[in-house]
Amino acid sequence: MDKDKLKASFGRFMYGMSDLMILNLLTLFCCLPILTIGPVLCALYTVTLKLARNEASDIFRDFFSAFKNNFKNGFILGLIAFFVAVVIFADGVYAFSIEGAAKIFFCIITGIMAAIWLTYVCYVFALQARYENSVLGHIKNVYKLAFISPVQTVLMWIIMAIPVLLILFLPRNVVASIGFLYIMFGVSLPVYCCSKILRNIFARFNPEDLPE
């Protein structure tokens, strides 16, 4: 690779990272009222799916337009995700507070529920961003797509879980030192990586989503 191509590749990389940084800041700011998380994630996926398909995107216009257009369904989908997360958290706390066979049972139940919830989060906001459908229709399609794409689904689980696991298991001083990375890329980068995977899953149903 000659120097001009290397410079062009580096320029595209830096431009893409700047887009993701802007998206992350927009996402964090717009999520300050917790109940807007659903529409915000729909807006984030709208832009990252475009970026994953190498489509030009006006970050601010596309983000806020998608936020507005997906507000109703996004709000409902986000509310479902929030309440299920609360149930899973409560079940997990209870599981670790008891002993014996009951502890194993509730840990297994918590793990199964967490997998179902994580699958929902990985797919449902992208589906709302990409397709016209009812809330129930999107939820049904989440698990249809997960069933036919198990490897990709597990890969998205890992991508989404890594930022959380780093916070939980890294020493506090290390987490504090890399905190700025979460502010710049903590949400947008994992979602963008998942969007690259979702692009190929959706391409089975929409030829225009095929990678270039």
N, C-alpha and C. Protein backbone atom coordinates (compact mmCIF):
# COMPACT_ATOMS: atom_id res chain seq x y z
N MET A 1 0.85 -1.20 0.00
CA MET A 1 0.00 0.00 0.00
C MET A 1 0.89 1.25 0.00
N ASP A 2 0.67 2.17 -0.98
CA ASP A 2 1.51 3.36 -1.04
C ASP A 2 1.07 4.39 -0.01
N LYS A 3 1.86 5.45 0.09
CA LYS A 3 1.60 6.44 1.14
C LYS A 3 0.26 7.15 0.95
N ASP A 4 -0.12 7.44 -0.30
CA ASP A 4 -1.39 8.13 -0.55
C ASP A 4 -2.58 7.29 -0.10
N LYS A 5 -2.52 5.99 -0.42
CA LYS A 5 -3.61 5.10 -0.01
C LYS A 5 -3.65 4.97 1.50
N LEU A 6 -2.46 4.91 2.11
CA LEU A 6 -2.39 4.81 3.57
C LEU A 6 -2.97 6.06 4.22
N LYS A 7 -2.64 7.23 3.68
CA LYS A 7 -3.19 8.48 4.21
C LYS A 7 -4.71 8.53 4.04
N ALA A 8 -5.19 8.07 2.88
CA ALA A 8 -6.63 8.08 2.62
C ALA A 8 -7.35 7.14 3.58
N SER A 9 -6.78 5.96 3.82
CA SER A 9 -7.38 5.00 4.74
C SER A 9 -7.40 5.55 6.16
N PHE A 10 -6.30 6.18 6.56
CA PHE A 10 -6.23 6.77 7.91
C PHE A 10 -7.24 7.90 8.05
N GLY A 11 -7.39 8.71 6.97
CA GLY A 11 -8.35 9.81 7.00
C GLY A 11 -9.77 9.30 7.14
N ARG A 12 -10.11 8.22 6.41
CA ARG A 12 -11.45 7.63 6.52
C ARG A 12 -11.69 7.07 7.92
N PHE A 13 -10.64 6.45 8.47
CA PHE A 13 -10.76 5.89 9.82
C PHE A 13 -11.02 6.99 10.84
N MET A 14 -10.26 8.07 10.77
CA MET A 14 -10.42 9.17 11.72
C MET A 14 -11.77 9.86 11.55
N TYR A 15 -12.22 9.97 10.30
CA TYR A 15 -13.52 10.58 10.04
C TYR A 15 -14.64 9.70 10.64
N GLY A 16 -14.49 8.39 10.46
CA GLY A 16 -15.49 7.47 11.02
C GLY A 16 -15.50 7.51 12.54
N MET A 17 -14.33 7.60 13.16
CA MET A 17 -14.27 7.67 14.61
C MET A 17 -14.87 8.97 15.14
N SER A 18 -14.70 10.05 14.38
CA SER A 18 -15.30 11.32 14.80
C SER A 18 -16.82 11.24 14.74
N ASP A 19 -17.35 10.54 13.72
CA ASP A 19 -18.80 10.32 13.64
C ASP A 19 -19.30 9.55 14.84
N LEU A 20 -18.57 8.50 15.21
CA LEU A 20 -18.98 7.69 16.36
C LEU A 20 -18.89 8.47 17.66
N MET A 21 -17.91 9.34 17.78
CA MET A 21 -17.80 10.17 18.98
C MET A 21 -18.99 11.12 19.10
N ILE A 22 -19.34 11.75 17.99
CA ILE A 22 -20.50 12.65 17.98
C ILE A 22 -21.77 11.88 18.35
N LEU A 23 -21.92 10.69 17.75
CA LEU A 23 -23.09 9.86 18.03
C LEU A 23 -23.15 9.47 19.50
N ASN A 24 -22.01 9.15 20.08
CA ASN A 24 -21.99 8.74 21.48
C ASN A 24 -22.40 9.90 22.40
N LEU A 25 -21.88 11.08 22.12
CA LEU A 25 -22.24 12.25 22.93
C LEU A 25 -23.72 12.58 22.78
N LEU A 26 -24.24 12.49 21.55
CA LEU A 26 -25.67 12.72 21.33
C LEU A 26 -26.51 11.70 22.11
N THR A 27 -26.07 10.45 22.06
CA THR A 27 -26.81 9.38 22.75
C THR A 27 -26.83 9.61 24.25
N LEU A 28 -25.68 9.90 24.83
CA LEU A 28 -25.61 10.11 26.28
C LEU A 28 -26.45 11.31 26.70
N PHE A 29 -26.36 12.40 25.92
CA PHE A 29 -27.11 13.61 26.26
C PHE A 29 -28.61 13.36 26.17
N CYS A 30 -29.06 12.70 25.11
CA CYS A 30 -30.50 12.50 24.89
C CYS A 30 -31.07 11.42 25.80
N CYS A 31 -30.19 10.61 26.43
CA CYS A 31 -30.65 9.57 27.36
C CYS A 31 -30.77 10.07 28.79
N LEU A 32 -30.46 11.35 29.02
CA LEU A 32 -30.51 11.87 30.39
C LEU A 32 -31.88 11.66 31.03
N PRO A 33 -32.99 11.95 30.33
CA PRO A 33 -34.27 11.45 30.86
C PRO A 33 -34.35 9.96 30.50
N ILE A 34 -34.23 9.08 31.48
CA ILE A 34 -34.05 7.65 31.24
C ILE A 34 -35.09 7.07 30.28
N LEU A 35 -36.31 7.57 30.33
CA LEU A 35 -37.39 6.98 29.55
C LEU A 35 -37.24 7.22 28.05
N THR A 36 -36.29 8.04 27.63
CA THR A 36 -36.08 8.26 26.20
C THR A 36 -35.06 7.30 25.60
N ILE A 37 -34.59 6.33 26.39
CA ILE A 37 -33.55 5.42 25.91
C ILE A 37 -34.00 4.68 24.65
N GLY A 38 -35.25 4.22 24.62
CA GLY A 38 -35.74 3.48 23.46
C GLY A 38 -35.65 4.27 22.16
N PRO A 39 -36.29 5.45 22.09
CA PRO A 39 -36.18 6.25 20.86
C PRO A 39 -34.74 6.65 20.53
N VAL A 40 -33.92 6.89 21.55
CA VAL A 40 -32.52 7.26 21.31
C VAL A 40 -31.76 6.10 20.66
N LEU A 41 -31.98 4.88 21.13
CA LEU A 41 -31.30 3.73 20.54
C LEU A 41 -31.78 3.48 19.11
N CYS A 42 -33.07 3.73 18.85
CA CYS A 42 -33.57 3.63 17.47
C CYS A 42 -32.85 4.64 16.58
N ALA A 43 -32.69 5.86 17.08
CA ALA A 43 -31.99 6.90 16.32
C ALA A 43 -30.53 6.52 16.10
N LEU A 44 -29.89 5.98 17.14
CA LEU A 44 -28.49 5.57 17.03
C LEU A 44 -28.33 4.48 15.98
N TYR A 45 -29.22 3.49 16.02
CA TYR A 45 -29.15 2.41 15.03
C TYR A 45 -29.45 2.91 13.62
N THR A 46 -30.32 3.87 13.49
CA THR A 46 -30.61 4.42 12.17
C THR A 46 -29.33 4.94 11.52
N VAL A 47 -28.55 5.66 12.29
CA VAL A 47 -27.31 6.25 11.75
C VAL A 47 -26.22 5.19 11.58
N THR A 48 -26.04 4.32 12.57
CA THR A 48 -24.97 3.33 12.48
C THR A 48 -25.22 2.31 11.37
N LEU A 49 -26.49 1.98 11.11
CA LEU A 49 -26.80 1.08 10.00
C LEU A 49 -26.45 1.73 8.66
N LYS A 50 -26.66 3.04 8.58
CA LYS A 50 -26.24 3.76 7.37
C LYS A 50 -24.72 3.74 7.23
N LEU A 51 -24.04 4.01 8.33
CA LEU A 51 -22.58 4.00 8.30
C LEU A 51 -22.05 2.62 7.96
N ALA A 52 -22.70 1.58 8.47
CA ALA A 52 -22.27 0.21 8.19
C ALA A 52 -22.44 -0.16 6.72
N ARG A 53 -23.40 0.51 6.05
CA ARG A 53 -23.61 0.27 4.61
C ARG A 53 -22.84 1.27 3.76
N ASN A 54 -21.96 2.04 4.41
CA ASN A 54 -21.15 3.05 3.72
C ASN A 54 -22.01 4.10 3.01
N GLU A 55 -23.15 4.41 3.62
CA GLU A 55 -24.01 5.46 3.08
C GLU A 55 -23.67 6.79 3.74
N ALA A 56 -23.73 7.85 2.96
CA ALA A 56 -23.50 9.18 3.53
C ALA A 56 -24.60 9.50 4.53
N SER A 57 -24.22 10.15 5.62
CA SER A 57 -25.20 10.46 6.66
C SER A 57 -24.90 11.82 7.27
N ASP A 58 -25.95 12.64 7.36
CA ASP A 58 -25.87 13.87 8.13
C ASP A 58 -26.20 13.48 9.57
N ILE A 59 -25.19 13.37 10.41
CA ILE A 59 -25.35 12.78 11.73
C ILE A 59 -26.48 13.43 12.53
N PHE A 60 -26.46 14.74 12.64
CA PHE A 60 -27.46 15.43 13.47
C PHE A 60 -28.85 15.32 12.88
N ARG A 61 -28.98 15.57 11.58
CA ARG A 61 -30.30 15.52 10.94
C ARG A 61 -30.88 14.11 11.01
N ASP A 62 -30.09 13.11 10.65
CA ASP A 62 -30.59 11.74 10.65
C ASP A 62 -30.92 11.26 12.06
N PHE A 63 -30.09 11.63 13.02
CA PHE A 63 -30.32 11.19 14.40
C PHE A 63 -31.63 11.75 14.94
N PHE A 64 -31.81 13.06 14.83
CA PHE A 64 -33.00 13.67 15.42
C PHE A 64 -34.26 13.38 14.62
N SER A 65 -34.12 13.20 13.32
CA SER A 65 -35.27 12.79 12.52
C SER A 65 -35.73 11.40 12.91
N ALA A 66 -34.78 10.48 13.09
CA ALA A 66 -35.11 9.11 13.50
C ALA A 66 -35.67 9.10 14.92
N PHE A 67 -35.12 9.93 15.80
CA PHE A 67 -35.63 10.02 17.17
C PHE A 67 -37.11 10.41 17.15
N LYS A 68 -37.46 11.38 16.34
CA LYS A 68 -38.84 11.83 16.24
C LYS A 68 -39.73 10.76 15.62
N ASN A 69 -39.29 10.19 14.51
CA ASN A 69 -40.12 9.23 13.77
C ASN A 69 -40.34 7.92 14.51
N ASN A 70 -39.39 7.56 15.37
CA ASN A 70 -39.49 6.28 16.09
C ASN A 70 -39.88 6.45 17.55
N PHE A 71 -40.34 7.64 17.91
CA PHE A 71 -40.53 7.92 19.33
C PHE A 71 -41.55 6.99 19.98
N LYS A 72 -42.71 6.84 19.36
CA LYS A 72 -43.78 6.06 19.99
C LYS A 72 -43.37 4.60 20.18
N ASN A 73 -43.04 3.92 19.09
CA ASN A 73 -42.65 2.51 19.19
C ASN A 73 -41.36 2.35 19.99
N GLY A 74 -40.40 3.26 19.77
CA GLY A 74 -39.15 3.19 20.49
C GLY A 74 -39.35 3.32 21.99
N PHE A 75 -40.26 4.21 22.38
CA PHE A 75 -40.56 4.41 23.80
C PHE A 75 -41.12 3.12 24.41
N ILE A 76 -42.05 2.48 23.72
CA ILE A 76 -42.65 1.23 24.22
C ILE A 76 -41.61 0.12 24.30
N LEU A 77 -40.81 -0.02 23.24
CA LEU A 77 -39.76 -1.06 23.23
C LEU A 77 -38.73 -0.82 24.33
N GLY A 78 -38.38 0.45 24.56
CA GLY A 78 -37.44 0.78 25.61
C GLY A 78 -38.00 0.50 27.00
N LEU A 79 -39.31 0.79 27.16
CA LEU A 79 -39.97 0.54 28.44
C LEU A 79 -39.98 -0.95 28.76
N ILE A 80 -40.24 -1.76 27.74
CA ILE A 80 -40.21 -3.22 27.93
C ILE A 80 -38.82 -3.66 28.36
N ALA A 81 -37.80 -3.16 27.66
CA ALA A 81 -36.42 -3.53 27.99
C ALA A 81 -36.07 -3.12 29.42
N PHE A 82 -36.52 -1.93 29.84
CA PHE A 82 -36.21 -1.43 31.17
C PHE A 82 -36.84 -2.29 32.26
N PHE A 83 -38.12 -2.60 32.11
CA PHE A 83 -38.80 -3.36 33.16
C PHE A 83 -38.30 -4.80 33.23
N VAL A 84 -37.99 -5.40 32.09
CA VAL A 84 -37.44 -6.76 32.11
C VAL A 84 -36.06 -6.74 32.76
N ALA A 85 -35.26 -5.70 32.49
CA ALA A 85 -33.94 -5.58 33.12
C ALA A 85 -34.07 -5.48 34.64
N VAL A 86 -35.07 -4.74 35.11
CA VAL A 86 -35.29 -4.62 36.56
C VAL A 86 -35.63 -5.98 37.16
N VAL A 87 -36.48 -6.74 36.47
CA VAL A 87 -36.86 -8.08 36.96
C VAL A 87 -35.63 -8.99 37.01
N ILE A 88 -34.80 -8.95 35.96
CA ILE A 88 -33.60 -9.79 35.91
C ILE A 88 -32.64 -9.40 37.03
N PHE A 89 -32.47 -8.12 37.25
CA PHE A 89 -31.59 -7.65 38.32
C PHE A 89 -32.09 -8.12 39.68
N ALA A 90 -33.39 -7.97 39.92
CA ALA A 90 -33.96 -8.39 41.20
C ALA A 90 -33.81 -9.90 41.39
N ASP A 91 -34.02 -10.66 40.32
CA ASP A 91 -33.87 -12.11 40.39
C ASP A 91 -32.42 -12.49 40.67
N GLY A 92 -31.49 -11.77 40.04
CA GLY A 92 -30.08 -12.04 40.27
C GLY A 92 -29.66 -11.74 41.70
N VAL A 93 -30.13 -10.62 42.23
CA VAL A 93 -29.82 -10.26 43.63
C VAL A 93 -30.36 -11.32 44.58
N TYR A 94 -31.58 -11.77 44.30
CA TYR A 94 -32.18 -12.81 45.15
C TYR A 94 -31.39 -14.11 45.05
N ALA A 95 -30.97 -14.47 43.83
CA ALA A 95 -30.23 -15.71 43.61
C ALA A 95 -28.94 -15.74 44.43
N PHE A 96 -28.26 -14.61 44.50
CA PHE A 96 -26.99 -14.57 45.23
C PHE A 96 -27.17 -14.38 46.73
N SER A 97 -28.40 -14.18 47.16
CA SER A 97 -28.66 -13.99 48.59
C SER A 97 -29.07 -15.28 49.28
N ILE A 98 -29.28 -16.34 48.50
CA ILE A 98 -29.72 -17.61 49.09
C ILE A 98 -28.64 -18.67 48.87
N GLU A 99 -28.83 -19.83 49.46
CA GLU A 99 -27.86 -20.93 49.36
C GLU A 99 -28.57 -22.20 48.90
N GLY A 100 -27.75 -23.18 48.56
CA GLY A 100 -28.27 -24.50 48.22
C GLY A 100 -28.75 -24.62 46.79
N ALA A 101 -29.62 -25.63 46.58
CA ALA A 101 -30.12 -25.93 45.24
C ALA A 101 -30.93 -24.78 44.68
N ALA A 102 -31.63 -24.06 45.54
CA ALA A 102 -32.45 -22.93 45.08
C ALA A 102 -31.58 -21.86 44.43
N LYS A 103 -30.38 -21.66 44.96
CA LYS A 103 -29.46 -20.67 44.39
C LYS A 103 -29.10 -21.04 42.97
N ILE A 104 -28.76 -22.32 42.75
CA ILE A 104 -28.41 -22.77 41.40
C ILE A 104 -29.59 -22.59 40.46
N PHE A 105 -30.77 -22.95 40.92
CA PHE A 105 -31.98 -22.83 40.10
C PHE A 105 -32.21 -21.38 39.68
N PHE A 106 -32.16 -20.46 40.64
CA PHE A 106 -32.44 -19.06 40.31
C PHE A 106 -31.31 -18.44 39.48
N CYS A 107 -30.09 -18.91 39.67
CA CYS A 107 -28.99 -18.43 38.82
C CYS A 107 -29.20 -18.85 37.37
N ILE A 108 -29.66 -20.08 37.18
CA ILE A 108 -29.94 -20.56 35.82
C ILE A 108 -31.07 -19.76 35.20
N ILE A 109 -32.13 -19.53 35.97
CA ILE A 109 -33.26 -18.74 35.47
C ILE A 109 -32.80 -17.33 35.10
N THR A 110 -31.98 -16.74 35.96
CA THR A 110 -31.46 -15.39 35.69
C THR A 110 -30.64 -15.39 34.40
N GLY A 111 -29.80 -16.39 34.22
CA GLY A 111 -28.98 -16.47 33.01
C GLY A 111 -29.82 -16.60 31.75
N ILE A 112 -30.84 -17.43 31.80
CA ILE A 112 -31.73 -17.62 30.63
C ILE A 112 -32.46 -16.31 30.32
N MET A 113 -32.98 -15.67 31.35
CA MET A 113 -33.68 -14.40 31.16
C MET A 113 -32.74 -13.34 30.60
N ALA A 114 -31.50 -13.32 31.10
CA ALA A 114 -30.53 -12.34 30.62
C ALA A 114 -30.22 -12.56 29.14
N ALA A 115 -30.11 -13.82 28.72
CA ALA A 115 -29.84 -14.13 27.31
C ALA A 115 -31.00 -13.68 26.44
N ILE A 116 -32.21 -13.94 26.89
CA ILE A 116 -33.41 -13.52 26.13
C ILE A 116 -33.46 -12.00 26.04
N TRP A 117 -33.16 -11.33 27.15
CA TRP A 117 -33.19 -9.86 27.18
C TRP A 117 -32.10 -9.27 26.29
N LEU A 118 -30.90 -9.83 26.35
CA LEU A 118 -29.79 -9.31 25.56
C LEU A 118 -30.06 -9.50 24.06
N THR A 119 -30.69 -10.62 23.70
CA THR A 119 -31.07 -10.84 22.30
C THR A 119 -32.07 -9.78 21.87
N TYR A 120 -33.03 -9.50 22.71
CA TYR A 120 -34.02 -8.45 22.44
C TYR A 120 -33.34 -7.11 22.19
N VAL A 121 -32.42 -6.74 23.07
CA VAL A 121 -31.74 -5.45 22.95
C VAL A 121 -30.88 -5.38 21.69
N CYS A 122 -30.24 -6.48 21.35
CA CYS A 122 -29.36 -6.49 20.18
C CYS A 122 -30.12 -6.28 18.87
N TYR A 123 -31.36 -6.75 18.83
CA TYR A 123 -32.11 -6.72 17.56
C TYR A 123 -33.22 -5.68 17.49
N VAL A 124 -33.97 -5.51 18.56
CA VAL A 124 -35.28 -4.85 18.43
C VAL A 124 -35.18 -3.38 18.01
N PHE A 125 -34.20 -2.66 18.52
CA PHE A 125 -34.09 -1.23 18.17
C PHE A 125 -33.58 -1.06 16.74
N ALA A 126 -32.75 -1.99 16.29
CA ALA A 126 -32.31 -1.97 14.89
C ALA A 126 -33.47 -2.28 13.95
N LEU A 127 -34.31 -3.23 14.35
CA LEU A 127 -35.48 -3.55 13.52
C LEU A 127 -36.43 -2.36 13.43
N GLN A 128 -36.65 -1.69 14.56
CA GLN A 128 -37.51 -0.51 14.55
C GLN A 128 -36.91 0.59 13.69
N ALA A 129 -35.58 0.72 13.73
CA ALA A 129 -34.90 1.74 12.93
C ALA A 129 -34.96 1.43 11.44
N ARG A 130 -34.98 0.15 11.10
CA ARG A 130 -34.84 -0.25 9.69
C ARG A 130 -36.17 -0.55 9.00
N TYR A 131 -37.16 -1.05 9.75
CA TYR A 131 -38.39 -1.55 9.13
C TYR A 131 -39.64 -0.95 9.77
N GLU A 132 -40.69 -0.87 8.97
CA GLU A 132 -42.01 -0.49 9.47
C GLU A 132 -42.70 -1.74 9.99
N ASN A 133 -43.10 -1.72 11.25
CA ASN A 133 -43.79 -2.88 11.83
C ASN A 133 -44.42 -2.45 13.15
N SER A 134 -45.28 -3.32 13.68
CA SER A 134 -45.84 -3.08 15.00
C SER A 134 -44.83 -3.48 16.06
N VAL A 135 -45.08 -3.06 17.29
CA VAL A 135 -44.20 -3.45 18.40
C VAL A 135 -44.16 -4.98 18.53
N LEU A 136 -45.33 -5.61 18.49
CA LEU A 136 -45.38 -7.06 18.61
C LEU A 136 -44.68 -7.73 17.43
N GLY A 137 -44.85 -7.16 16.23
CA GLY A 137 -44.19 -7.71 15.05
C GLY A 137 -42.67 -7.65 15.18
N HIS A 138 -42.15 -6.56 15.70
CA HIS A 138 -40.70 -6.44 15.91
C HIS A 138 -40.21 -7.48 16.91
N ILE A 139 -40.95 -7.65 17.99
CA ILE A 139 -40.54 -8.60 19.03
C ILE A 139 -40.51 -10.02 18.48
N LYS A 140 -41.51 -10.36 17.70
CA LYS A 140 -41.52 -11.70 17.07
C LYS A 140 -40.32 -11.87 16.16
N ASN A 141 -40.01 -10.85 15.38
CA ASN A 141 -38.89 -10.95 14.42
C ASN A 141 -37.53 -11.03 15.11
N VAL A 142 -37.44 -10.44 16.31
CA VAL A 142 -36.19 -10.54 17.08
C VAL A 142 -35.77 -12.00 17.22
N TYR A 143 -36.71 -12.83 17.67
CA TYR A 143 -36.36 -14.21 17.98
C TYR A 143 -36.35 -15.11 16.75
N LYS A 144 -37.05 -14.70 15.70
CA LYS A 144 -36.92 -15.41 14.42
C LYS A 144 -35.51 -15.21 13.86
N LEU A 145 -35.04 -13.97 13.87
CA LEU A 145 -33.70 -13.68 13.35
C LEU A 145 -32.62 -14.33 14.22
N ALA A 146 -32.82 -14.29 15.53
CA ALA A 146 -31.84 -14.90 16.44
C ALA A 146 -31.76 -16.41 16.21
N PHE A 147 -32.89 -17.03 15.91
CA PHE A 147 -32.93 -18.48 15.68
C PHE A 147 -32.17 -18.86 14.42
N ILE A 148 -32.29 -18.05 13.37
CA ILE A 148 -31.62 -18.40 12.12
C ILE A 148 -30.19 -17.85 12.05
N SER A 149 -29.79 -17.05 13.03
CA SER A 149 -28.44 -16.47 13.05
C SER A 149 -27.81 -16.64 14.43
N PRO A 150 -27.68 -17.87 14.93
CA PRO A 150 -27.21 -18.06 16.31
C PRO A 150 -25.77 -17.59 16.55
N VAL A 151 -24.88 -17.83 15.59
CA VAL A 151 -23.49 -17.43 15.78
C VAL A 151 -23.37 -15.91 15.83
N GLN A 152 -24.05 -15.23 14.90
CA GLN A 152 -24.02 -13.76 14.89
C GLN A 152 -24.65 -13.19 16.16
N THR A 153 -25.69 -13.86 16.65
CA THR A 153 -26.35 -13.39 17.87
C THR A 153 -25.41 -13.47 19.07
N VAL A 154 -24.71 -14.59 19.20
CA VAL A 154 -23.76 -14.74 20.31
C VAL A 154 -22.63 -13.71 20.19
N LEU A 155 -22.19 -13.47 18.96
CA LEU A 155 -21.14 -12.47 18.75
C LEU A 155 -21.62 -11.09 19.20
N MET A 156 -22.87 -10.75 18.91
CA MET A 156 -23.41 -9.46 19.37
C MET A 156 -23.55 -9.42 20.88
N TRP A 157 -23.90 -10.55 21.50
CA TRP A 157 -23.92 -10.61 22.97
C TRP A 157 -22.56 -10.21 23.52
N ILE A 158 -21.52 -10.79 22.95
CA ILE A 158 -20.16 -10.53 23.43
C ILE A 158 -19.79 -9.06 23.25
N ILE A 159 -20.10 -8.53 22.07
CA ILE A 159 -19.78 -7.12 21.78
C ILE A 159 -20.47 -6.19 22.78
N MET A 160 -21.75 -6.46 23.05
CA MET A 160 -22.51 -5.62 23.97
C MET A 160 -22.07 -5.80 25.42
N ALA A 161 -21.61 -7.01 25.75
CA ALA A 161 -21.26 -7.30 27.15
C ALA A 161 -19.88 -6.79 27.52
N ILE A 162 -18.97 -6.69 26.57
CA ILE A 162 -17.58 -6.33 26.88
C ILE A 162 -17.46 -5.02 27.66
N PRO A 163 -18.11 -3.91 27.22
CA PRO A 163 -17.96 -2.67 27.99
C PRO A 163 -18.43 -2.79 29.44
N VAL A 164 -19.51 -3.56 29.66
CA VAL A 164 -20.04 -3.74 31.01
C VAL A 164 -19.09 -4.60 31.84
N LEU A 165 -18.59 -5.68 31.24
CA LEU A 165 -17.68 -6.58 31.96
C LEU A 165 -16.38 -5.88 32.34
N LEU A 166 -15.89 -4.99 31.47
CA LEU A 166 -14.67 -4.24 31.79
C LEU A 166 -14.88 -3.39 33.04
N ILE A 167 -16.04 -2.74 33.12
CA ILE A 167 -16.34 -1.91 34.30
C ILE A 167 -16.42 -2.76 35.56
N LEU A 168 -17.02 -3.95 35.43
CA LEU A 168 -17.24 -4.80 36.60
C LEU A 168 -15.97 -5.46 37.11
N PHE A 169 -15.06 -5.83 36.21
CA PHE A 169 -13.94 -6.67 36.62
C PHE A 169 -12.57 -6.01 36.58
N LEU A 170 -12.44 -4.89 35.90
CA LEU A 170 -11.15 -4.19 35.91
C LEU A 170 -10.98 -3.45 37.23
N PRO A 171 -9.74 -3.25 37.70
CA PRO A 171 -9.51 -2.45 38.91
C PRO A 171 -10.09 -1.04 38.75
N ARG A 172 -10.54 -0.50 39.85
CA ARG A 172 -11.21 0.81 39.81
C ARG A 172 -10.32 1.90 39.20
N ASN A 173 -9.04 1.86 39.50
CA ASN A 173 -8.15 2.90 38.97
C ASN A 173 -8.01 2.80 37.46
N VAL A 174 -8.05 1.57 36.93
CA VAL A 174 -7.98 1.38 35.47
C VAL A 174 -9.26 1.89 34.83
N VAL A 175 -10.39 1.55 35.43
CA VAL A 175 -11.68 2.02 34.90
C VAL A 175 -11.72 3.54 34.87
N ALA A 176 -11.21 4.16 35.95
CA ALA A 176 -11.20 5.63 36.01
C ALA A 176 -10.32 6.21 34.91
N SER A 177 -9.21 5.54 34.61
CA SER A 177 -8.29 6.07 33.60
C SER A 177 -8.81 5.94 32.18
N ILE A 178 -9.71 4.97 31.94
CA ILE A 178 -10.26 4.81 30.60
C ILE A 178 -11.70 5.32 30.50
N GLY A 179 -12.13 6.02 31.54
CA GLY A 179 -13.51 6.51 31.56
C GLY A 179 -13.83 7.41 30.38
N PHE A 180 -12.85 8.19 29.92
CA PHE A 180 -13.09 9.10 28.80
C PHE A 180 -13.45 8.33 27.53
N LEU A 181 -12.95 7.09 27.40
CA LEU A 181 -13.28 6.28 26.22
C LEU A 181 -14.76 5.91 26.22
N TYR A 182 -15.33 5.70 27.41
CA TYR A 182 -16.75 5.41 27.50
C TYR A 182 -17.57 6.63 27.10
N ILE A 183 -17.10 7.80 27.49
CA ILE A 183 -17.81 9.04 27.13
C ILE A 183 -17.77 9.26 25.62
N MET A 184 -16.68 8.89 24.98
CA MET A 184 -16.54 9.13 23.55
C MET A 184 -17.11 8.00 22.69
N PHE A 185 -16.96 6.73 23.16
CA PHE A 185 -17.32 5.61 22.29
C PHE A 185 -18.06 4.47 22.99
N GLY A 186 -18.40 4.63 24.26
CA GLY A 186 -18.90 3.52 25.05
C GLY A 186 -20.17 2.87 24.56
N VAL A 187 -21.03 3.64 23.88
CA VAL A 187 -22.29 3.10 23.35
C VAL A 187 -22.23 2.99 21.84
N SER A 188 -21.77 4.03 21.19
CA SER A 188 -21.82 4.08 19.72
C SER A 188 -20.93 3.03 19.06
N LEU A 189 -19.76 2.74 19.63
CA LEU A 189 -18.85 1.78 19.01
C LEU A 189 -19.40 0.35 19.05
N PRO A 190 -19.88 -0.14 20.22
CA PRO A 190 -20.50 -1.47 20.21
C PRO A 190 -21.71 -1.56 19.29
N VAL A 191 -22.54 -0.51 19.27
CA VAL A 191 -23.72 -0.51 18.40
C VAL A 191 -23.31 -0.51 16.93
N TYR A 192 -22.27 0.23 16.61
CA TYR A 192 -21.78 0.23 15.22
C TYR A 192 -21.28 -1.16 14.83
N CYS A 193 -20.52 -1.81 15.72
CA CYS A 193 -20.03 -3.16 15.43
C CYS A 193 -21.20 -4.13 15.24
N CYS A 194 -22.22 -4.01 16.07
CA CYS A 194 -23.41 -4.85 15.90
C CYS A 194 -24.14 -4.51 14.59
N SER A 195 -24.12 -3.25 14.21
CA SER A 195 -24.77 -2.85 12.96
C SER A 195 -24.10 -3.48 11.75
N LYS A 196 -22.77 -3.65 11.83
CA LYS A 196 -22.06 -4.34 10.75
C LYS A 196 -22.55 -5.78 10.62
N ILE A 197 -22.78 -6.43 11.75
CA ILE A 197 -23.30 -7.80 11.74
C ILE A 197 -24.75 -7.82 11.26
N LEU A 198 -25.56 -6.90 11.78
CA LEU A 198 -26.97 -6.84 11.41
C LEU A 198 -27.15 -6.54 9.93
N ARG A 199 -26.24 -5.75 9.36
CA ARG A 199 -26.30 -5.45 7.93
C ARG A 199 -26.31 -6.74 7.13
N ASN A 200 -25.48 -7.68 7.49
CA ASN A 200 -25.40 -8.94 6.77
C ASN A 200 -26.60 -9.84 7.04
N ILE A 201 -27.15 -9.77 8.26
CA ILE A 201 -28.36 -10.54 8.58
C ILE A 201 -29.54 -9.99 7.79
N PHE A 202 -29.69 -8.67 7.80
CA PHE A 202 -30.80 -8.04 7.07
C PHE A 202 -30.66 -8.24 5.57
N ALA A 203 -29.43 -8.39 5.09
CA ALA A 203 -29.19 -8.55 3.65
C ALA A 203 -29.85 -9.81 3.10
N ARG A 204 -30.15 -10.76 3.96
CA ARG A 204 -30.84 -11.97 3.52
C ARG A 204 -32.26 -11.64 3.04
N PHE A 205 -32.77 -10.51 3.51
CA PHE A 205 -34.14 -10.14 3.18
C PHE A 205 -34.21 -8.89 2.31
N ASN A 206 -33.12 -8.09 2.27
CA ASN A 206 -33.10 -6.87 1.48
C ASN A 206 -31.80 -6.78 0.69
N PRO A 207 -31.84 -6.96 -0.60
CA PRO A 207 -30.62 -6.93 -1.41
C PRO A 207 -29.84 -5.63 -1.30
N GLU A 208 -30.54 -4.50 -1.04
CA GLU A 208 -29.82 -3.22 -0.95
C GLU A 208 -28.92 -3.13 0.26
N ASP A 209 -29.10 -4.07 1.22
CA ASP A 209 -28.26 -4.08 2.41
C ASP A 209 -27.00 -4.92 2.23
N LEU A 210 -26.82 -5.52 1.05
CA LEU A 210 -25.63 -6.33 0.83
C LEU A 210 -24.37 -5.50 0.94
N PRO A 211 -23.32 -6.05 1.57
CA PRO A 211 -22.08 -5.28 1.70
C PRO A 211 -21.46 -5.01 0.34
N GLU A 212 -20.78 -3.87 0.25
CA GLU A 212 -20.13 -3.52 -1.00
C GLU A 212 -18.84 -4.28 -1.18
